[in-house]
């Protein structure tokens, strides 16, 4: 049986070797490993925004991974002094991928930056700096809890109530925009920790489930993505 192909976005990195420096596109191995464990076939996406439609025609689902801050120009805001340097090529590519995937009803999963990017691409906006949430020295630990919105798709995927998660971000979704709804909050507070589309197969979470020592939440999310990808693949038509 054909494994559904999951497009995984990566980050740009300078690879330095004896004969020179090379600009590469890479992805953290945990993403690929979890896609494969769930039964999918990961494919690194590292093209320009102009090729986004061609990529979407060849994959069955899209995974937007973590990374640097989204440029506030994407959602029409001025730059905050604490906003980091943007990867403009990646911003443009991922916005194009998300909008193309949405036109086709393709499953999308966003993680950390991916959550922010999905919201920004679909008309939302970001809080450009949130104090105390970039706990970089405890990436594998549960450092706070999130409350899942009852009746949400996220609840159906990871379960109801509160979940302990890690926290590796200093930005967050401020307004999910007209197409998305909130699926999780920081426990007891209004800070958004998850968004989803009410009818399309789109989920995004602010934490990094793939980095946590207990991969339960990651396995549940990746199993959802691959299952949705298989269903999408079985019904799609190719031009």
Protein backbone atom coordinates (compact mmCIF):
# COMPACT_ATOMS: atom_id res chain seq x y z
CA UNK A 1 0.00 0.00 0.00
CA UNK A 2 1.26 3.46 -0.93
CA UNK A 3 2.32 5.51 2.08
CA UNK A 4 0.91 9.04 2.05
CA UNK A 5 3.57 11.64 1.30
CA UNK A 6 3.95 14.42 3.88
CA UNK A 7 5.65 17.62 2.78
CA UNK A 8 7.87 18.85 5.64
CA UNK A 9 9.17 22.41 5.54
CA UNK A 10 12.76 23.07 6.59
CA UNK A 11 15.08 25.91 7.52
CA UNK A 12 18.04 27.48 5.77
CA UNK A 13 21.45 26.78 7.25
CA UNK A 14 25.03 27.53 6.28
CA UNK A 15 27.01 24.28 5.93
CA UNK A 16 30.71 25.03 6.45
CA UNK A 17 33.27 22.57 5.15
CA UNK A 18 36.90 22.84 4.07
CA UNK A 19 36.11 23.82 0.49
CA UNK A 20 33.65 26.58 1.39
CA UNK A 21 30.28 27.60 2.77
CA UNK A 22 27.05 26.26 1.31
CA UNK A 23 23.50 27.45 1.92
CA UNK A 24 21.42 24.34 2.63
CA UNK A 25 17.83 23.50 3.54
CA UNK A 26 17.49 21.13 6.49
CA UNK A 27 14.91 19.75 8.91
CA UNK A 28 15.24 18.31 12.40
CA UNK A 29 15.17 14.53 12.24
CA UNK A 30 12.41 14.12 14.86
CA UNK A 31 9.81 15.38 12.40
CA UNK A 32 10.72 12.82 9.76
CA UNK A 33 10.98 10.02 12.30
CA UNK A 34 7.51 10.71 13.67
CA UNK A 35 6.01 10.94 10.19
CA UNK A 36 7.54 7.57 9.33
CA UNK A 37 6.44 6.02 12.63
CA UNK A 38 2.89 7.12 11.86
CA UNK A 39 3.05 5.43 8.46
CA UNK A 40 3.81 8.42 6.26
CA UNK A 41 6.64 9.21 3.86
CA UNK A 42 8.32 12.55 4.68
CA UNK A 43 9.53 14.80 1.87
CA UNK A 44 11.64 17.86 2.60
CA UNK A 45 10.17 20.94 0.95
CA UNK A 46 12.81 23.48 0.00
CA UNK A 47 11.70 25.29 -3.10
CA UNK A 48 10.72 28.87 -3.84
CA UNK A 49 7.23 30.24 -3.38
CA UNK A 50 6.77 30.05 -7.15
CA UNK A 51 6.89 26.26 -6.94
CA UNK A 52 4.36 25.90 -4.11
CA UNK A 53 1.46 24.73 -6.26
CA UNK A 54 3.63 22.06 -7.89
CA UNK A 55 4.69 20.80 -4.46
CA UNK A 56 1.09 20.64 -3.23
CA UNK A 57 0.13 18.64 -6.31
CA UNK A 58 2.66 15.97 -5.33
CA UNK A 59 2.06 15.56 -1.59
CA UNK A 60 -0.86 14.38 0.52
CA UNK A 61 -0.42 16.60 3.59
CA UNK A 62 1.69 19.50 4.77
CA UNK A 63 3.73 19.85 7.98
CA UNK A 64 4.92 23.38 8.84
CA UNK A 65 7.76 23.01 11.34
CA UNK A 66 9.31 25.26 13.98
CA UNK A 67 11.89 27.94 13.31
CA UNK A 68 12.59 31.68 13.38
CA UNK A 69 10.10 34.51 13.85
CA UNK A 70 7.60 35.17 11.09
CA UNK A 71 8.21 38.58 9.50
CA UNK A 72 5.47 40.95 10.76
CA UNK A 73 5.09 42.23 7.20
CA UNK A 74 3.32 38.92 6.48
CA UNK A 75 0.43 40.05 8.69
CA UNK A 76 0.77 43.77 8.13
CA UNK A 77 2.32 44.90 11.43
CA UNK A 78 5.34 47.00 12.32
CA UNK A 79 8.37 45.17 13.67
CA UNK A 80 8.67 44.87 17.46
CA UNK A 81 12.17 45.55 18.88
CA UNK A 82 12.30 41.96 20.21
CA UNK A 83 11.32 40.31 16.92
CA UNK A 84 14.16 38.27 15.47
CA UNK A 85 15.63 38.22 12.00
CA UNK A 86 13.23 36.74 9.48
CA UNK A 87 13.81 34.17 6.76
CA UNK A 88 11.91 35.94 3.98
CA UNK A 89 12.27 33.08 1.52
CA UNK A 90 10.81 30.62 4.01
CA UNK A 91 7.98 32.98 4.97
CA UNK A 92 6.96 33.39 1.33
CA UNK A 93 7.21 29.66 0.61
CA UNK A 94 5.19 28.57 3.62
CA UNK A 95 2.47 31.18 3.09
CA UNK A 96 2.16 29.99 -0.52
CA UNK A 97 2.08 26.33 0.57
CA UNK A 98 -0.61 26.92 3.20
CA UNK A 99 -2.86 28.91 0.88
CA UNK A 100 -2.43 26.34 -1.89
CA UNK A 101 -3.16 23.47 0.51
CA UNK A 102 -6.27 25.25 1.77
CA UNK A 103 -7.61 25.63 -1.77
CA UNK A 104 -7.40 21.87 -2.20
CA UNK A 105 -8.66 20.85 1.24
CA UNK A 106 -5.30 19.25 2.06
CA UNK A 107 -4.46 18.34 5.69
CA UNK A 108 -2.08 20.75 7.42
CA UNK A 109 -0.29 20.48 10.77
CA UNK A 110 1.62 23.46 12.16
CA UNK A 111 4.10 23.27 15.05
CA UNK A 112 5.32 26.33 17.02
CA UNK A 113 6.40 28.73 14.24
CA UNK A 114 4.12 26.61 12.08
CA UNK A 115 1.17 27.56 14.27
CA UNK A 116 2.04 31.24 13.93
CA UNK A 117 2.65 30.95 10.18
CA UNK A 118 -0.66 29.19 9.52
CA UNK A 119 -2.52 31.92 11.41
CA UNK A 120 -0.62 34.72 9.65
CA UNK A 121 -1.14 33.11 6.23
CA UNK A 122 -4.90 32.90 6.81
CA UNK A 123 -5.46 36.49 7.93
CA UNK A 124 -4.50 36.38 11.59
CA UNK A 125 -1.82 38.24 13.52
CA UNK A 126 0.85 37.55 16.13
CA UNK A 127 1.91 38.78 19.54
CA UNK A 128 5.52 39.57 18.73
CA UNK A 129 6.96 39.06 22.20
CA UNK A 130 5.73 37.11 25.21
CA UNK A 131 7.98 37.10 28.27
CA UNK A 132 8.92 33.88 30.00
CA UNK A 133 7.90 31.36 27.36
CA UNK A 134 11.22 30.62 25.65
CA UNK A 135 12.40 27.98 28.13
CA UNK A 136 15.30 26.88 25.94
CA UNK A 137 17.11 24.92 28.66
CA UNK A 138 14.18 22.52 29.21
CA UNK A 139 13.08 21.51 25.68
CA UNK A 140 12.11 17.96 26.66
CA UNK A 141 10.15 18.86 29.79
CA UNK A 142 6.59 19.89 30.57
CA UNK A 143 6.96 23.47 31.78
CA UNK A 144 3.33 24.60 31.74
CA UNK A 145 -0.15 23.29 30.96
CA UNK A 146 -2.62 24.02 28.18
CA UNK A 147 -6.39 23.74 28.28
CA UNK A 148 -7.94 22.14 25.19
CA UNK A 149 -11.22 23.69 24.00
CA UNK A 150 -14.09 21.21 24.44
CA UNK A 151 -15.56 19.99 21.17
CA UNK A 152 -12.50 20.98 19.14
CA UNK A 153 -10.71 18.79 16.62
CA UNK A 154 -7.66 19.03 18.87
CA UNK A 155 -9.66 17.49 21.71
CA UNK A 156 -10.60 14.58 19.43
CA UNK A 157 -6.90 14.07 18.60
CA UNK A 158 -5.09 14.45 21.94
CA UNK A 159 -7.92 14.22 24.49
CA UNK A 160 -9.78 16.63 26.72
CA UNK A 161 -8.70 18.67 29.70
CA UNK A 162 -5.21 19.89 30.54
CA UNK A 163 -1.96 18.73 29.02
CA UNK A 164 1.59 19.45 30.13
CA UNK A 165 3.73 20.83 27.31
CA UNK A 166 7.15 22.37 26.69
CA UNK A 167 7.59 26.01 25.71
CA UNK A 168 10.15 27.18 23.15
CA UNK A 169 8.61 30.34 21.75
CA UNK A 170 8.59 34.06 22.43
CA UNK A 171 5.83 34.86 19.94
CA UNK A 172 2.27 33.57 19.81
CA UNK A 173 -0.96 33.91 17.86
CA UNK A 174 -2.75 37.08 18.95
CA UNK A 175 -5.72 36.89 16.56
CA UNK A 176 -6.46 33.64 14.69
CA UNK A 177 -8.13 35.60 11.90
CA UNK A 178 -11.38 34.95 10.04
CA UNK A 179 -10.73 31.33 9.02
CA UNK A 180 -9.38 29.73 12.19
CA UNK A 181 -10.73 29.16 15.69
CA UNK A 182 -8.89 28.74 18.98
CA UNK A 183 -8.43 25.13 20.11
CA UNK A 184 -6.19 25.56 23.18
CA UNK A 185 -5.17 28.24 25.71
CA UNK A 186 -2.42 28.46 28.25
CA UNK A 187 -4.03 27.04 31.40
CA UNK A 188 -6.01 29.74 33.18
CA UNK A 189 -4.95 32.48 30.75
CA UNK A 190 -5.99 33.86 27.35
CA UNK A 191 -2.69 33.16 25.59
CA UNK A 192 -3.42 31.03 22.51
CA UNK A 193 -1.69 27.63 22.37
CA UNK A 194 -3.61 26.03 19.51
CA UNK A 195 -5.71 26.95 16.47
CA UNK A 196 -7.63 24.94 13.90
CA UNK A 197 -9.99 25.32 10.99
CA UNK A 198 -13.60 24.55 11.93
CA UNK A 199 -14.26 22.46 8.82
CA UNK A 200 -10.97 21.84 6.95
CA UNK A 201 -8.33 19.37 8.27
CA UNK A 202 -6.02 22.04 9.67
CA UNK A 203 -4.46 21.83 13.15
CA UNK A 204 -1.67 23.89 14.70
CA UNK A 205 -0.13 23.90 18.18
CA UNK A 206 2.24 26.37 19.81
CA UNK A 207 4.42 23.85 21.66
CA UNK A 208 7.00 21.38 20.30
CA UNK A 209 5.53 17.89 20.82
CA UNK A 210 8.32 16.29 18.79
CA UNK A 211 10.92 17.44 21.35
CA UNK A 212 9.16 16.24 24.50
CA UNK A 213 10.60 13.22 26.29
CA UNK A 214 7.12 11.68 26.33
CA UNK A 215 6.14 11.59 22.65
CA UNK A 216 2.47 10.75 23.32
CA UNK A 217 1.11 14.08 22.09
CA UNK A 218 3.43 14.03 19.09
CA UNK A 219 2.39 10.52 18.12
CA UNK A 220 -1.28 11.46 18.39
CA UNK A 221 -0.84 14.58 16.24
CA UNK A 222 1.32 12.86 13.61
CA UNK A 223 -1.03 9.87 13.49
CA UNK A 224 -3.88 12.31 12.83
CA UNK A 225 -1.90 14.01 10.04
CA UNK A 226 -0.96 10.76 8.30
CA UNK A 227 -4.49 9.34 8.64
CA UNK A 228 -5.97 12.52 7.15
CA UNK A 229 -3.34 12.41 4.40
CA UNK A 230 -4.31 8.84 3.52
CA UNK A 231 -7.98 9.84 3.29
CA UNK A 232 -7.11 12.89 1.20
CA UNK A 233 -4.94 10.81 -1.15
CA UNK A 234 -7.74 8.27 -1.67
CA UNK A 235 -10.21 10.91 -2.84
CA UNK A 236 -8.10 13.49 -4.67
CA UNK A 237 -7.99 13.89 -8.41
CA UNK A 238 -4.85 14.90 -10.28
CA UNK A 239 -4.77 17.44 -13.06
